[in-house]
């Protein structure tokens, strides 16, 4: 007879593993192992889908090549027209994030 874990426990374990994998992927990018970093992000995305846990917002990665976006290492950050534009240096993908809320205060 198999026992099933409660959903709260599954979400907690999934979030911990995702955070650990994304941290490892950032370290791999710093050491120049892009293939390893890409694999860590792909595994984290699989865990996220399986456990239905959202990927953390503070850990950014390229939606196209699945590398962690680290300003000054593998991406370029520019501010233009109330947006933060992050361009991946590997594949050229551009990610635009609004920052209107920060300008109001």
PDB file of N, CA and C in Angstrom:
ATOM      1  N   UNK A   1       0.840  -1.182   0.000  1.00  0.00           N
ATOM      2  CA  UNK A   1       0.000   0.000   0.000  1.00  0.00           C
ATOM      3  C   UNK A   1       0.887   1.248   0.000  1.00  0.00           C
ATOM      4  N   UNK A   2       0.649   2.131  -0.919  1.00  0.00           N
ATOM      5  CA  UNK A   2       1.479   3.332  -1.014  1.00  0.00           C
ATOM      6  C   UNK A   2       0.790   4.498  -0.318  1.00  0.00           C
ATOM      7  N   UNK A   3       1.637   5.317   0.273  1.00  0.00           N
ATOM      8  CA  UNK A   3       1.116   6.518   0.922  1.00  0.00           C
ATOM      9  C   UNK A   3       1.381   7.709   0.020  1.00  0.00           C
ATOM     10  N   UNK A   4       0.444   8.622   0.004  1.00  0.00           N
ATOM     11  CA  UNK A   4       0.589   9.823  -0.802  1.00  0.00           C
ATOM     12  C   UNK A   4       0.922  10.994   0.105  1.00  0.00           C
ATOM     13  N   UNK A   5       1.885  11.805  -0.316  1.00  0.00           N
ATOM     14  CA  UNK A   5       2.263  12.980   0.461  1.00  0.00           C
ATOM     15  C   UNK A   5       1.222  14.083   0.289  1.00  0.00           C
ATOM     16  N   UNK A   6       1.022  14.895   1.318  1.00  0.00           N
ATOM     17  CA  UNK A   6       0.094  16.031   1.186  1.00  0.00           C
ATOM     18  C   UNK A   6       0.627  17.051   0.170  1.00  0.00           C
ATOM     19  N   UNK A   7      -0.287  17.768  -0.464  1.00  0.00           N
ATOM     20  CA  UNK A   7       0.096  18.746  -1.482  1.00  0.00           C
ATOM     21  C   UNK A   7       1.011  19.832  -0.939  1.00  0.00           C
ATOM     22  N   UNK A   8       0.807  20.259   0.293  1.00  0.00           N
ATOM     23  CA  UNK A   8       1.652  21.296   0.886  1.00  0.00           C
ATOM     24  C   UNK A   8       3.103  20.824   0.971  1.00  0.00           C
ATOM     25  N   UNK A   9       3.305  19.568   1.316  1.00  0.00           N
ATOM     26  CA  UNK A   9       4.653  19.007   1.402  1.00  0.00           C
ATOM     27  C   UNK A   9       5.285  18.923   0.015  1.00  0.00           C
ATOM     28  N   UNK A  10       4.496  18.512  -0.963  1.00  0.00           N
ATOM     29  CA  UNK A  10       5.003  18.410  -2.339  1.00  0.00           C
ATOM     30  C   UNK A  10       5.413  19.785  -2.853  1.00  0.00           C
ATOM     31  N   UNK A  11       4.604  20.821  -2.597  1.00  0.00           N
ATOM     32  CA  UNK A  11       4.930  22.180  -3.035  1.00  0.00           C
ATOM     33  C   UNK A  11       6.190  22.684  -2.339  1.00  0.00           C
ATOM     34  N   UNK A  12       6.326  22.381  -1.059  1.00  0.00           N
ATOM     35  CA  UNK A  12       7.490  22.834  -0.300  1.00  0.00           C
ATOM     36  C   UNK A  12       8.775  22.188  -0.826  1.00  0.00           C
ATOM     37  N   UNK A  13       8.733  20.883  -1.053  1.00  0.00           N
ATOM     38  CA  UNK A  13       9.900  20.168  -1.575  1.00  0.00           C
ATOM     39  C   UNK A  13      10.244  20.677  -2.980  1.00  0.00           C
ATOM     40  N   UNK A  14       9.224  20.883  -3.812  1.00  0.00           N
ATOM     41  CA  UNK A  14       9.446  21.391  -5.168  1.00  0.00           C
ATOM     42  C   UNK A  14      10.080  22.772  -5.170  1.00  0.00           C
ATOM     43  N   UNK A  15       9.603  23.655  -4.301  1.00  0.00           N
ATOM     44  CA  UNK A  15      10.154  25.015  -4.226  1.00  0.00           C
ATOM     45  C   UNK A  15      11.603  24.995  -3.769  1.00  0.00           C
ATOM     46  N   UNK A  16      11.925  24.143  -2.806  1.00  0.00           N
ATOM     47  CA  UNK A  16      13.307  24.033  -2.334  1.00  0.00           C
ATOM     48  C   UNK A  16      14.230  23.549  -3.445  1.00  0.00           C
ATOM     49  N   UNK A  17      13.804  22.542  -4.181  1.00  0.00           N
ATOM     50  CA  UNK A  17      14.639  21.983  -5.240  1.00  0.00           C
ATOM     51  C   UNK A  17      14.799  22.954  -6.401  1.00  0.00           C
ATOM     52  N   UNK A  18      13.731  23.691  -6.726  1.00  0.00           N
ATOM     53  CA  UNK A  18      13.821  24.688  -7.791  1.00  0.00           C
ATOM     54  C   UNK A  18      14.817  25.768  -7.408  1.00  0.00           C
ATOM     55  N   UNK A  19      14.731  26.250  -6.167  1.00  0.00           N
ATOM     56  CA  UNK A  19      15.642  27.294  -5.705  1.00  0.00           C
ATOM     57  C   UNK A  19      17.089  26.810  -5.742  1.00  0.00           C
ATOM     58  N   UNK A  20      17.327  25.589  -5.293  1.00  0.00           N
ATOM     59  CA  UNK A  20      18.681  25.020  -5.298  1.00  0.00           C
ATOM     60  C   UNK A  20      19.217  24.883  -6.727  1.00  0.00           C
ATOM     61  N   UNK A  21      18.383  24.391  -7.649  1.00  0.00           N
ATOM     62  CA  UNK A  21      18.816  24.222  -9.034  1.00  0.00           C
ATOM     63  C   UNK A  21      19.117  25.556  -9.703  1.00  0.00           C
ATOM     64  N   UNK A  22      18.306  26.575  -9.450  1.00  0.00           N
ATOM     65  CA  UNK A  22      18.548  27.875 -10.058  1.00  0.00           C
ATOM     66  C   UNK A  22      19.811  28.529  -9.494  1.00  0.00           C
ATOM     67  N   UNK A  23      20.088  28.315  -8.215  1.00  0.00           N
ATOM     68  CA  UNK A  23      21.329  28.807  -7.631  1.00  0.00           C
ATOM     69  C   UNK A  23      22.529  28.102  -8.258  1.00  0.00           C
ATOM     70  N   UNK A  24      22.412  26.788  -8.445  1.00  0.00           N
ATOM     71  CA  UNK A  24      23.488  26.034  -9.082  1.00  0.00           C
ATOM     72  C   UNK A  24      23.694  26.482 -10.527  1.00  0.00           C
ATOM     73  N   UNK A  25      22.611  26.842 -11.221  1.00  0.00           N
ATOM     74  CA  UNK A  25      22.746  27.285 -12.608  1.00  0.00           C
ATOM     75  C   UNK A  25      23.478  28.624 -12.683  1.00  0.00           C
ATOM     76  N   UNK A  26      23.239  29.516 -11.727  1.00  0.00           N
ATOM     77  CA  UNK A  26      23.956  30.785 -11.708  1.00  0.00           C
ATOM     78  C   UNK A  26      25.449  30.567 -11.464  1.00  0.00           C
ATOM     79  N   UNK A  27      25.784  29.642 -10.570  1.00  0.00           N
ATOM     80  CA  UNK A  27      27.191  29.330 -10.316  1.00  0.00           C
ATOM     81  C   UNK A  27      27.843  28.717 -11.554  1.00  0.00           C
ATOM     82  N   UNK A  28      27.097  27.901 -12.283  1.00  0.00           N
ATOM     83  CA  UNK A  28      27.637  27.281 -13.492  1.00  0.00           C
ATOM     84  C   UNK A  28      27.904  28.331 -14.571  1.00  0.00           C
ATOM     85  N   UNK A  29      27.048  29.348 -14.681  1.00  0.00           N
ATOM     86  CA  UNK A  29      27.276  30.414 -15.659  1.00  0.00           C
ATOM     87  C   UNK A  29      28.522  31.198 -15.296  1.00  0.00           C
ATOM     88  N   UNK A  30      28.698  31.478 -14.006  1.00  0.00           N
ATOM     89  CA  UNK A  30      29.886  32.215 -13.576  1.00  0.00           C
ATOM     90  C   UNK A  30      31.171  31.452 -13.884  1.00  0.00           C
ATOM     91  N   UNK A  31      31.114  30.121 -13.807  1.00  0.00           N
ATOM     92  CA  UNK A  31      32.309  29.319 -14.081  1.00  0.00           C
ATOM     93  C   UNK A  31      32.456  28.973 -15.562  1.00  0.00           C
ATOM     94  N   UNK A  32      31.519  29.425 -16.406  1.00  0.00           N
ATOM     95  CA  UNK A  32      31.635  29.216 -17.843  1.00  0.00           C
ATOM     96  C   UNK A  32      31.035  27.920 -18.355  1.00  0.00           C
ATOM     97  N   UNK A  33      30.234  27.226 -17.570  1.00  0.00           N
ATOM     98  CA  UNK A  33      29.612  25.968 -17.979  1.00  0.00           C
ATOM     99  C   UNK A  33      28.163  26.221 -18.381  1.00  0.00           C
ATOM    100  N   UNK A  34      27.968  26.809 -19.565  1.00  0.00           N
ATOM    101  CA  UNK A  34      26.630  27.165 -20.028  1.00  0.00           C
ATOM    102  C   UNK A  34      25.752  25.943 -20.259  1.00  0.00           C
ATOM    103  N   UNK A  35      26.328  24.849 -20.732  1.00  0.00           N
ATOM    104  CA  UNK A  35      25.535  23.648 -20.976  1.00  0.00           C
ATOM    105  C   UNK A  35      24.960  23.089 -19.680  1.00  0.00           C
ATOM    106  N   UNK A  36      25.772  23.114 -18.636  1.00  0.00           N
ATOM    107  CA  UNK A  36      25.310  22.629 -17.332  1.00  0.00           C
ATOM    108  C   UNK A  36      24.245  23.551 -16.757  1.00  0.00           C
ATOM    109  N   UNK A  37      24.438  24.870 -16.890  1.00  0.00           N
ATOM    110  CA  UNK A  37      23.467  25.849 -16.392  1.00  0.00           C
ATOM    111  C   UNK A  37      22.128  25.686 -17.104  1.00  0.00           C
ATOM    112  N   UNK A  38      22.175  25.471 -18.414  1.00  0.00           N
ATOM    113  CA  UNK A  38      20.947  25.282 -19.193  1.00  0.00           C
ATOM    114  C   UNK A  38      20.197  24.041 -18.711  1.00  0.00           C
ATOM    115  N   UNK A  39      20.917  22.975 -18.445  1.00  0.00           N
ATOM    116  CA  UNK A  39      20.290  21.733 -17.988  1.00  0.00           C
ATOM    117  C   UNK A  39      19.644  21.917 -16.614  1.00  0.00           C
ATOM    118  N   UNK A  40      20.304  22.652 -15.718  1.00  0.00           N
ATOM    119  CA  UNK A  40      19.735  22.906 -14.396  1.00  0.00           C
ATOM    120  C   UNK A  40      18.417  23.667 -14.500  1.00  0.00           C
ATOM    121  N   UNK A  41      18.362  24.661 -15.387  1.00  0.00           N
ATOM    122  CA  UNK A  41      17.125  25.437 -15.556  1.00  0.00           C
ATOM    123  C   UNK A  41      16.030  24.558 -16.146  1.00  0.00           C
ATOM    124  N   UNK A  42      16.377  23.705 -17.101  1.00  0.00           N
ATOM    125  CA  UNK A  42      15.375  22.815 -17.688  1.00  0.00           C
ATOM    126  C   UNK A  42      14.815  21.838 -16.658  1.00  0.00           C
ATOM    127  N   UNK A  43      15.663  21.311 -15.785  1.00  0.00           N
ATOM    128  CA  UNK A  43      15.197  20.413 -14.723  1.00  0.00           C
ATOM    129  C   UNK A  43      14.277  21.166 -13.769  1.00  0.00           C
ATOM    130  N   UNK A  44      14.661  22.419 -13.416  1.00  0.00           N
ATOM    131  CA  UNK A  44      13.834  23.229 -12.516  1.00  0.00           C
ATOM    132  C   UNK A  44      12.472  23.515 -13.140  1.00  0.00           C
ATOM    133  N   UNK A  45      12.442  23.759 -14.448  1.00  0.00           N
ATOM    134  CA  UNK A  45      11.168  23.996 -15.120  1.00  0.00           C
ATOM    135  C   UNK A  45      10.305  22.732 -15.110  1.00  0.00           C
ATOM    136  N   UNK A  46      10.922  21.575 -15.246  1.00  0.00           N
ATOM    137  CA  UNK A  46      10.182  20.321 -15.176  1.00  0.00           C
ATOM    138  C   UNK A  46       9.580  20.097 -13.799  1.00  0.00           C
ATOM    139  N   UNK A  47      10.360  20.374 -12.765  1.00  0.00           N
ATOM    140  CA  UNK A  47       9.857  20.245 -11.390  1.00  0.00           C
ATOM    141  C   UNK A  47       8.731  21.236 -11.156  1.00  0.00           C
ATOM    142  N   UNK A  48       8.874  22.445 -11.692  1.00  0.00           N
ATOM    143  CA  UNK A  48       7.840  23.465 -11.540  1.00  0.00           C
ATOM    144  C   UNK A  48       6.524  23.007 -12.157  1.00  0.00           C
ATOM    145  N   UNK A  49       6.591  22.410 -13.321  1.00  0.00           N
ATOM    146  CA  UNK A  49       5.372  21.941 -13.968  1.00  0.00           C
ATOM    147  C   UNK A  49       4.758  20.743 -13.272  1.00  0.00           C
ATOM    148  N   UNK A  50       5.604  19.845 -12.796  1.00  0.00           N
ATOM    149  CA  UNK A  50       5.117  18.621 -12.165  1.00  0.00           C
ATOM    150  C   UNK A  50       4.478  18.895 -10.805  1.00  0.00           C
ATOM    151  N   UNK A  51       5.099  19.790 -10.020  1.00  0.00           N
ATOM    152  CA  UNK A  51       4.588  20.068  -8.674  1.00  0.00           C
ATOM    153  C   UNK A  51       3.650  21.275  -8.646  1.00  0.00           C
ATOM    154  N   UNK A  52       3.473  21.936  -9.796  1.00  0.00           N
ATOM    155  CA  UNK A  52       2.635  23.131  -9.911  1.00  0.00           C
ATOM    156  C   UNK A  52       3.080  24.249  -8.975  1.00  0.00           C
ATOM    157  N   UNK A  53       4.393  24.481  -8.943  1.00  0.00           N
ATOM    158  CA  UNK A  53       4.985  25.578  -8.181  1.00  0.00           C
ATOM    159  C   UNK A  53       5.521  26.581  -9.190  1.00  0.00           C
ATOM    160  N   UNK A  54       5.241  27.869  -8.999  1.00  0.00           N
ATOM    161  CA  UNK A  54       5.716  28.878  -9.937  1.00  0.00           C
ATOM    162  C   UNK A  54       7.218  29.079  -9.788  1.00  0.00           C
ATOM    163  N   UNK A  55       7.844  29.402 -10.917  1.00  0.00           N
ATOM    164  CA  UNK A  55       9.267  29.728 -10.888  1.00  0.00           C
ATOM    165  C   UNK A  55       9.426  31.069 -10.172  1.00  0.00           C
ATOM    166  N   UNK A  56      10.457  31.232  -9.341  1.00  0.00           N
ATOM    167  CA  UNK A  56      10.629  32.486  -8.604  1.00  0.00           C
ATOM    168  C   UNK A  56      10.886  33.671  -9.532  1.00  0.00           C
ATOM    169  N   UNK A  57      10.294  34.804  -9.206  1.00  0.00           N
ATOM    170  CA  UNK A  57      10.428  35.999 -10.044  1.00  0.00           C
ATOM    171  C   UNK A  57      11.826  36.601  -9.961  1.00  0.00           C
ATOM    172  N   UNK A  58      12.475  36.491  -8.791  1.00  0.00           N
ATOM    173  CA  UNK A  58      13.780  37.133  -8.619  1.00  0.00           C
ATOM    174  C   UNK A  58      14.890  36.404  -9.374  1.00  0.00           C
ATOM    175  N   UNK A  59      14.679  35.146  -9.727  1.00  0.00           N
ATOM    176  CA  UNK A  59      15.649  34.387 -10.517  1.00  0.00           C
ATOM    177  C   UNK A  59      15.208  34.444 -11.969  1.00  0.00           C
ATOM    178  N   UNK A  60      15.864  35.246 -12.773  1.00  0.00           N
ATOM    179  CA  UNK A  60      15.459  35.435 -14.167  1.00  0.00           C
ATOM    180  C   UNK A  60      16.297  34.555 -15.079  1.00  0.00           C
ATOM    181  N   UNK A  61      15.653  34.021 -16.089  1.00  0.00           N
ATOM    182  CA  UNK A  61      16.352  33.226 -17.091  1.00  0.00           C
ATOM    183  C   UNK A  61      15.759  33.521 -18.457  1.00  0.00           C
ATOM    184  N   UNK A  62      16.531  33.260 -19.487  1.00  0.00           N
ATOM    185  CA  UNK A  62      16.105  33.520 -20.860  1.00  0.00           C
ATOM    186  C   UNK A  62      15.051  32.493 -21.259  1.00  0.00           C
ATOM    187  N   UNK A  63      13.941  32.972 -21.795  1.00  0.00           N
ATOM    188  CA  UNK A  63      12.853  32.075 -22.189  1.00  0.00           C
ATOM    189  C   UNK A  63      13.209  31.273 -23.442  1.00  0.00           C
ATOM    190  N   UNK A  64      14.191  31.735 -24.211  1.00  0.00           N
ATOM    191  CA  UNK A  64      14.547  31.074 -25.459  1.00  0.00           C
ATOM    192  C   UNK A  64      15.637  30.019 -25.251  1.00  0.00           C
ATOM    193  N   UNK A  65      16.769  30.413 -24.636  1.00  0.00           N
ATOM    194  CA  UNK A  65      17.893  29.475 -24.507  1.00  0.00           C
ATOM    195  C   UNK A  65      18.027  28.899 -23.099  1.00  0.00           C
ATOM    196  N   UNK A  66      17.187  29.286 -22.167  1.00  0.00           N
ATOM    197  CA  UNK A  66      17.125  28.742 -20.807  1.00  0.00           C
ATOM    198  C   UNK A  66      18.414  28.949 -20.007  1.00  0.00           C
ATOM    199  N   UNK A  67      19.110  30.046 -20.246  1.00  0.00           N
ATOM    200  CA  UNK A  67      20.270  30.389 -19.424  1.00  0.00           C
ATOM    201  C   UNK A  67      19.872  31.447 -18.406  1.00  0.00           C
ATOM    202  N   UNK A  68      20.416  31.392 -17.191  1.00  0.00           N
ATOM    203  CA  UNK A  68      20.135  32.453 -16.222  1.00  0.00           C
ATOM    204  C   UNK A  68      20.672  33.781 -16.739  1.00  0.00           C
ATOM    205  N   UNK A  69      19.861  34.817 -16.660  1.00  0.00           N
ATOM    206  CA  UNK A  69      20.281  36.132 -17.150  1.00  0.00           C
ATOM    207  C   UNK A  69      20.977  36.865 -16.018  1.00  0.00           C
ATOM    208  N   UNK A  70      22.282  37.071 -16.197  1.00  0.00           N
ATOM    209  CA  UNK A  70      23.095  37.741 -15.194  1.00  0.00           C
ATOM    210  C   UNK A  70      23.706  38.985 -15.833  1.00  0.00           C
ATOM    211  N   UNK A  71      23.268  40.183 -15.403  1.00  0.00           N
ATOM    212  CA  UNK A  71      23.771  41.413 -16.009  1.00  0.00           C
ATOM    213  C   UNK A  71      25.291  41.507 -15.902  1.00  0.00           C
ATOM    214  N   UNK A  72      25.908  41.840 -17.017  1.00  0.00           N
ATOM    215  CA  UNK A  72      27.360  41.965 -17.064  1.00  0.00           C
ATOM    216  C   UNK A  72      28.067  40.679 -17.408  1.00  0.00           C
ATOM    217  N   UNK A  73      27.396  39.543 -17.274  1.00  0.00           N
ATOM    218  CA  UNK A  73      28.009  38.256 -17.587  1.00  0.00           C
ATOM    219  C   UNK A  73      27.507  37.750 -18.928  1.00  0.00           C
ATOM    220  N   UNK A  74      26.185  37.630 -19.071  1.00  0.00           N
ATOM    221  CA  UNK A  74      25.640  37.119 -20.331  1.00  0.00           C
ATOM    222  C   UNK A  74      24.390  37.869 -20.783  1.00  0.00           C
ATOM    223  N   UNK A  75      24.134  39.043 -20.234  1.00  0.00           N
ATOM    224  CA  UNK A  75      23.009  39.840 -20.723  1.00  0.00           C
ATOM    225  C   UNK A  75      23.313  41.327 -20.563  1.00  0.00           C
ATOM    226  N   UNK A  76      22.636  42.135 -21.381  1.00  0.00           N
ATOM    227  CA  UNK A  76      22.781  43.576 -21.359  1.00  0.00           C
ATOM    228  C   UNK A  76      21.476  44.176 -20.865  1.00  0.00           C
ATOM    229  N   UNK A  77      21.564  45.119 -19.927  1.00  0.00           N
ATOM    230  CA  UNK A  77      20.379  45.745 -19.342  1.00  0.00           C
ATOM    231  C   UNK A  77      20.353  47.214 -19.733  1.00  0.00           C
ATOM    232  N   UNK A  78      19.222  47.657 -20.255  1.00  0.00           N
ATOM    233  CA  UNK A  78      19.014  49.050 -20.633  1.00  0.00           C
ATOM    234  C   UNK A  78      17.665  49.517 -20.100  1.00  0.00           C
ATOM    235  N   UNK A  79      17.577  50.809 -19.798  1.00  0.00           N
ATOM    236  CA  UNK A  79      16.320  51.423 -19.377  1.00  0.00           C
ATOM    237  C   UNK A  79      15.812  52.279 -20.518  1.00  0.00           C
ATOM    238  N   UNK A  80      14.588  52.003 -20.965  1.00  0.00           N
ATOM    239  CA  UNK A  80      14.040  52.805 -22.052  1.00  0.00           C
ATOM    240  C   UNK A  80      12.519  52.789 -22.001  1.00  0.00           C
ATOM    241  N   UNK A  81      11.937  53.983 -22.082  1.00  0.00           N
ATOM    242  CA  UNK A  81      10.494  54.126 -22.223  1.00  0.00           C
ATOM    243  C   UNK A  81       9.714  53.392 -21.125  1.00  0.00           C
ATOM    244  N   UNK A  82      10.067  53.619 -19.872  1.00  0.00           N
ATOM    245  CA  UNK A  82       9.407  53.025 -18.708  1.00  0.00           C
ATOM    246  C   UNK A  82       9.520  51.504 -18.679  1.00  0.00           C
ATOM    247  N   UNK A  83      10.578  50.971 -19.271  1.00  0.00           N
ATOM    248  CA  UNK A  83      10.793  49.521 -19.277  1.00  0.00           C
ATOM    249  C   UNK A  83      12.251  49.211 -19.015  1.00  0.00           C
ATOM    250  N   UNK A  84      12.488  48.064 -18.397  1.00  0.00           N
ATOM    251  CA  UNK A  84      13.825  47.511 -18.273  1.00  0.00           C
ATOM    252  C   UNK A  84      13.965  46.487 -19.395  1.00  0.00           C
ATOM    253  N   UNK A  85      14.885  46.722 -20.316  1.00  0.00           N
ATOM    254  CA  UNK A  85      15.100  45.811 -21.446  1.00  0.00           C
ATOM    255  C   UNK A  85      16.343  44.976 -21.167  1.00  0.00           C
ATOM    256  N   UNK A  86      16.146  43.668 -21.068  1.00  0.00           N
ATOM    257  CA  UNK A  86      17.253  42.742 -20.840  1.00  0.00           C
ATOM    258  C   UNK A  86      17.440  41.918 -22.108  1.00  0.00           C
ATOM    259  N   UNK A  87      18.630  42.022 -22.713  1.00  0.00           N
ATOM    260  CA  UNK A  87      18.909  41.289 -23.945  1.00  0.00           C
ATOM    261  C   UNK A  87      19.932  40.209 -23.656  1.00  0.00           C
ATOM    262  N   UNK A  88      19.596  38.986 -24.008  1.00  0.00           N
ATOM    263  CA  UNK A  88      20.489  37.848 -23.826  1.00  0.00           C
ATOM    264  C   UNK A  88      21.607  37.938 -24.864  1.00  0.00           C
ATOM    265  N   UNK A  89      22.864  37.849 -24.421  1.00  0.00           N
ATOM    266  CA  UNK A  89      23.994  37.927 -25.337  1.00  0.00           C
ATOM    267  C   UNK A  89      24.210  36.627 -26.105  1.00  0.00           C
ATOM    268  N   UNK A  90      23.626  35.534 -25.642  1.00  0.00           N
ATOM    269  CA  UNK A  90      23.810  34.238 -26.297  1.00  0.00           C
ATOM    270  C   UNK A  90      22.883  34.099 -27.498  1.00  0.00           C
ATOM    271  N   UNK A  91      21.579  34.346 -27.302  1.00  0.00           N
ATOM    272  CA  UNK A  91      20.611  34.119 -28.386  1.00  0.00           C
ATOM    273  C   UNK A  91      19.980  35.401 -28.921  1.00  0.00           C
ATOM    274  N   UNK A  92      20.130  36.532 -28.215  1.00  0.00           N
ATOM    275  CA  UNK A  92      19.577  37.791 -28.683  1.00  0.00           C
ATOM    276  C   UNK A  92      18.143  38.058 -28.263  1.00  0.00           C
ATOM    277  N   UNK A  93      17.553  37.189 -27.458  1.00  0.00           N
ATOM    278  CA  UNK A  93      16.182  37.358 -26.978  1.00  0.00           C
ATOM    279  C   UNK A  93      16.100  38.597 -26.076  1.00  0.00           C
ATOM    280  N   UNK A  94      15.046  39.393 -26.241  1.00  0.00           N
ATOM    281  CA  UNK A  94      14.860  40.607 -25.446  1.00  0.00           C
ATOM    282  C   UNK A  94      13.691  40.397 -24.505  1.00  0.00           C
ATOM    283  N   UNK A  95      13.886  40.748 -23.256  1.00  0.00           N
ATOM    284  CA  UNK A  95      12.823  40.656 -22.249  1.00  0.00           C
ATOM    285  C   UNK A  95      12.582  42.052 -21.711  1.00  0.00           C
ATOM    286  N   UNK A  96      11.338  42.484 -21.755  1.00  0.00           N
ATOM    287  CA  UNK A  96      10.988  43.835 -21.311  1.00  0.00           C
ATOM    288  C   UNK A  96      10.115  43.753 -20.065  1.00  0.00           C
ATOM    289  N   UNK A  97      10.522  44.475 -19.024  1.00  0.00           N
ATOM    290  CA  UNK A  97       9.797  44.489 -17.762  1.00  0.00           C
ATOM    291  C   UNK A  97       9.446  45.927 -17.409  1.00  0.00           C
ATOM    292  N   UNK A  98       8.198  46.218 -17.080  1.00  0.00           N
ATOM    293  CA  UNK A  98       7.830  47.602 -16.734  1.00  0.00           C
ATOM    294  C   UNK A  98       8.343  47.991 -15.361  1.00  0.00           C
ATOM    295  N   UNK A  99       8.638  49.286 -15.191  1.00  0.00           N
ATOM    296  CA  UNK A  99       9.005  49.782 -13.866  1.00  0.00           C
ATOM    297  C   UNK A  99       8.300  51.084 -13.552  1.00  0.00           C
ATOM    298  N   UNK A 100       7.038  51.173 -13.954  1.00  0.00           N
ATOM    299  CA  UNK A 100       6.233  52.376 -13.725  1.00  0.00           C
ATOM    300  C   UNK A 100       5.977  52.562 -12.231  1.00  0.00           C
ATOM    301  N   UNK A 101       5.721  51.477 -11.523  1.00  0.00           N
ATOM    302  CA  UNK A 101       5.402  51.567 -10.094  1.00  0.00           C
ATOM    303  C   UNK A 101       6.557  52.201  -9.311  1.00  0.00           C
ATOM    304  N   UNK A 102       7.791  51.882  -9.669  1.00  0.00           N
ATOM    305  CA  UNK A 102       8.948  52.447  -8.972  1.00  0.00           C
ATOM    306  C   UNK A 102       9.105  53.934  -9.261  1.00  0.00           C
ATOM    307  N   UNK A 103       8.642  54.402 -10.428  1.00  0.00           N
ATOM    308  CA  UNK A 103       8.780  55.802 -10.775  1.00  0.00           C
ATOM    309  C   UNK A 103       7.766  56.683 -10.054  1.00  0.00           C
ATOM    310  N   UNK A 104       6.642  56.128  -9.647  1.00  0.00           N
ATOM    311  CA  UNK A 104       5.591  56.924  -9.003  1.00  0.00           C
ATOM    312  C   UNK A 104       6.003  57.396  -7.614  1.00  0.00           C
ATOM    313  N   UNK A 105       6.804  56.634  -6.899  1.00  0.00           N
ATOM    314  CA  UNK A 105       7.186  57.013  -5.527  1.00  0.00           C
ATOM    315  C   UNK A 105       8.386  57.885  -5.475  1.00  0.00           C
TER     316      UNK A 105
END
